[in-house]
Amino acid sequence: MPVGLVLVSHSARLADGTAELAAQMAPGVTIVGAGGTDEGSIGTSFDAVMSAITAVDSADGTVLLYDLGSALLTAETALEFLDPAVAGRVRIVDAPLVEGAVTAAGAAQGGGDLDAVAAAAAEAGRPADEPSGGPAPTTHPAGTPPGSAGAADGMGQAPVPMTA
């Protein structure tokens, strides 16, 4: 089973629409949106993120993308409550939600492993004119929140802050 994707957004329509778009590119990949609050308004839901991760979980892993900072906080909190074996198979990736989802879905459809799919998502956020070998893509393995001392990305390198 390919690496799955969880898309955390403040908007259920954005999460579900992005999942639908990415699924068109990768019909063999499980992609689940976790958007909006439990009441159906704008925001994020811990329960929705937990459910999405559980629905996508496979031995090959899960890449989780998010739209805004508080969605990242919700995702990180969810990881803390998961069984450590499941949490260890999840990579939270700092990437543009739509482009990252489509690119990651294509990498997963092509048989990429967890680190390759996470790197593909992160690469989607790089400017086209940035030379190869630039800063490593920022990913956050379970248990290493972004910016924490000693945090490593999925390739064993310290995260590099994204700049505008």
Protein backbone atom coordinates (compact mmCIF):
# COMPACT_ATOMS: atom_id res chain seq x y z
CA MET A 1 0.00 0.00 0.00
CA PRO A 2 1.50 3.39 -0.93
CA VAL A 3 2.31 6.16 1.53
CA GLY A 4 -0.92 7.96 2.43
CA LEU A 5 -1.67 11.66 2.80
CA VAL A 6 -3.55 13.66 5.43
CA LEU A 7 -4.45 17.25 4.56
CA VAL A 8 -5.16 19.46 7.58
CA SER A 9 -6.90 22.72 6.81
CA HIS A 10 -9.02 25.28 8.58
CA SER A 11 -11.60 24.76 5.84
CA ALA A 12 -13.32 21.42 5.27
CA ARG A 13 -13.99 22.41 1.66
CA LEU A 14 -10.32 23.24 1.08
CA ALA A 15 -9.11 19.98 2.66
CA ASP A 16 -11.64 17.84 0.80
CA GLY A 17 -11.19 19.68 -2.50
CA THR A 18 -7.42 19.36 -2.33
CA ALA A 19 -7.77 15.65 -1.50
CA GLU A 20 -10.08 15.26 -4.51
CA LEU A 21 -7.63 17.05 -6.81
CA ALA A 22 -4.63 15.04 -5.61
CA ALA A 23 -6.60 11.79 -5.93
CA GLN A 24 -7.15 12.54 -9.62
CA MET A 25 -3.38 12.40 -10.04
CA ALA A 26 -2.91 9.37 -7.81
CA PRO A 27 -5.94 7.06 -7.69
CA GLY A 28 -4.04 4.37 -5.80
CA VAL A 29 -3.14 6.63 -2.87
CA THR A 30 -5.29 7.07 0.22
CA ILE A 31 -5.77 10.82 0.74
CA VAL A 32 -7.97 12.16 3.54
CA GLY A 33 -8.89 15.75 4.28
CA ALA A 34 -9.21 16.85 7.90
CA GLY A 35 -10.65 20.33 7.69
CA GLY A 36 -12.83 22.60 9.74
CA THR A 37 -14.11 22.22 13.28
CA ASP A 38 -16.40 19.51 14.59
CA GLU A 39 -19.24 22.03 14.37
CA GLY A 40 -18.55 22.68 10.67
CA SER A 41 -16.99 26.11 10.98
CA ILE A 42 -13.53 27.42 10.10
CA GLY A 43 -10.81 26.01 12.35
CA THR A 44 -9.16 22.70 13.04
CA SER A 45 -10.31 19.62 14.91
CA PHE A 46 -8.09 17.36 16.96
CA ASP A 47 -10.61 14.52 16.52
CA ALA A 48 -10.72 14.98 12.73
CA VAL A 49 -6.93 14.90 12.49
CA MET A 50 -6.74 11.78 14.69
CA SER A 51 -9.42 10.06 12.59
CA ALA A 52 -7.69 11.00 9.33
CA ILE A 53 -4.32 9.69 10.47
CA THR A 54 -5.94 6.44 11.62
CA ALA A 55 -7.81 6.08 8.30
CA VAL A 56 -4.66 6.59 6.24
CA ASP A 57 -2.19 4.69 8.42
CA SER A 58 -0.29 1.90 6.74
CA ALA A 59 3.07 0.27 7.23
CA ASP A 60 4.43 2.54 4.48
CA GLY A 61 3.63 5.71 6.42
CA THR A 62 1.69 8.94 6.21
CA VAL A 63 2.64 12.41 5.04
CA LEU A 64 0.66 15.15 6.74
CA LEU A 65 0.37 18.62 5.17
CA TYR A 66 -1.25 21.66 6.78
CA ASP A 67 -2.42 25.11 5.74
CA LEU A 68 -1.67 27.42 8.70
CA GLY A 69 0.31 27.43 11.93
CA SER A 70 -2.52 26.43 14.23
CA ALA A 71 -3.26 23.46 11.96
CA LEU A 72 0.35 22.43 12.53
CA LEU A 73 -0.17 22.71 16.28
CA THR A 74 -3.29 20.53 16.07
CA ALA A 75 -1.39 17.95 13.99
CA GLU A 76 1.54 17.90 16.42
CA THR A 77 -0.84 17.46 19.35
CA ALA A 78 -2.56 14.57 17.59
CA LEU A 79 0.81 12.86 17.06
CA GLU A 80 1.49 13.05 20.79
CA PHE A 81 -1.66 11.02 21.46
CA LEU A 82 -1.05 8.34 18.83
CA ASP A 83 0.49 4.98 19.55
CA PRO A 84 4.26 5.54 19.18
CA ALA A 85 4.46 2.95 16.40
CA VAL A 86 1.85 4.85 14.37
CA ALA A 87 3.33 8.27 15.19
CA GLY A 88 6.73 7.06 14.00
CA ARG A 89 5.27 6.51 10.53
CA VAL A 90 3.96 10.08 10.20
CA ARG A 91 5.88 12.99 8.68
CA ILE A 92 4.51 16.51 9.01
CA VAL A 93 5.78 18.50 6.05
CA ASP A 94 6.05 22.26 5.69
CA ALA A 95 4.90 22.73 2.09
CA PRO A 96 2.24 24.57 0.13
CA LEU A 97 -0.95 22.60 0.77
CA VAL A 98 -2.24 22.16 -2.79
CA GLU A 99 1.05 21.86 -4.66
CA GLY A 100 2.54 19.72 -1.91
CA ALA A 101 -0.46 17.38 -1.89
CA VAL A 102 -0.44 16.88 -5.66
CA THR A 103 3.33 16.37 -5.79
CA ALA A 104 3.35 14.02 -2.79
CA ALA A 105 0.44 12.04 -4.22
CA GLY A 106 2.34 11.57 -7.47
CA ALA A 107 5.45 10.42 -5.60
CA ALA A 108 3.38 7.97 -3.52
CA GLN A 109 1.58 6.68 -6.63
CA GLY A 110 5.00 6.07 -8.17
CA GLY A 111 6.03 3.90 -5.22
CA GLY A 112 8.12 6.42 -3.27
CA ASP A 113 8.88 5.57 0.34
CA LEU A 114 7.93 7.83 3.24
CA ASP A 115 11.04 9.99 3.05
CA ALA A 116 10.77 10.35 -0.75
CA VAL A 117 7.10 11.35 -0.56
CA ALA A 118 7.83 13.87 2.23
CA ALA A 119 10.73 15.32 0.24
CA ALA A 120 8.57 15.59 -2.89
CA ALA A 121 5.97 17.57 -0.96
CA ALA A 122 8.61 19.88 0.49
CA GLU A 123 10.19 20.39 -2.94
CA ALA A 124 6.85 21.68 -4.23
CA GLY A 125 7.48 24.83 -2.19
CA ARG A 126 10.86 25.64 -3.71
CA PRO A 127 11.22 28.37 -6.31
CA ALA A 128 11.87 26.93 -9.76
CA ASP A 129 15.06 28.96 -10.10
CA GLU A 130 16.59 27.78 -6.81
CA PRO A 131 19.72 25.77 -7.60
CA SER A 132 19.81 22.08 -6.81
CA GLY A 133 21.43 21.22 -3.54
CA GLY A 134 19.84 24.20 -1.78
CA PRO A 135 18.52 23.97 1.76
CA ALA A 136 17.03 20.64 2.77
CA PRO A 137 13.23 20.41 2.68
CA THR A 138 11.65 20.95 6.07
CA THR A 139 9.89 17.90 7.47
CA HIS A 140 9.03 17.11 11.05
CA PRO A 141 9.16 13.45 12.09
CA ALA A 142 6.94 12.53 14.97
CA GLY A 143 8.12 13.84 18.29
CA THR A 144 10.33 16.61 16.86
CA PRO A 145 8.36 19.83 16.59
CA PRO A 146 9.65 22.41 14.14
CA GLY A 147 12.30 24.67 15.60
CA SER A 148 13.19 22.30 18.44
CA ALA A 149 16.84 21.81 19.20
CA GLY A 150 18.11 18.70 17.51
CA ALA A 151 14.98 18.25 15.40
CA ALA A 152 15.74 16.45 12.19
CA ASP A 153 13.92 16.23 8.94
CA GLY A 154 13.08 12.92 7.28
CA MET A 155 16.60 12.80 5.85
CA GLY A 156 18.48 13.22 9.14
CA GLN A 157 19.23 16.91 8.65
CA ALA A 158 18.27 19.81 10.88
CA PRO A 159 15.25 21.73 9.56
CA VAL A 160 16.00 24.89 7.68
CA PRO A 161 13.58 27.77 8.29
CA MET A 162 11.55 28.62 5.23
CA THR A 163 11.92 32.24 4.15
CA ALA A 164 9.64 34.34 2.03
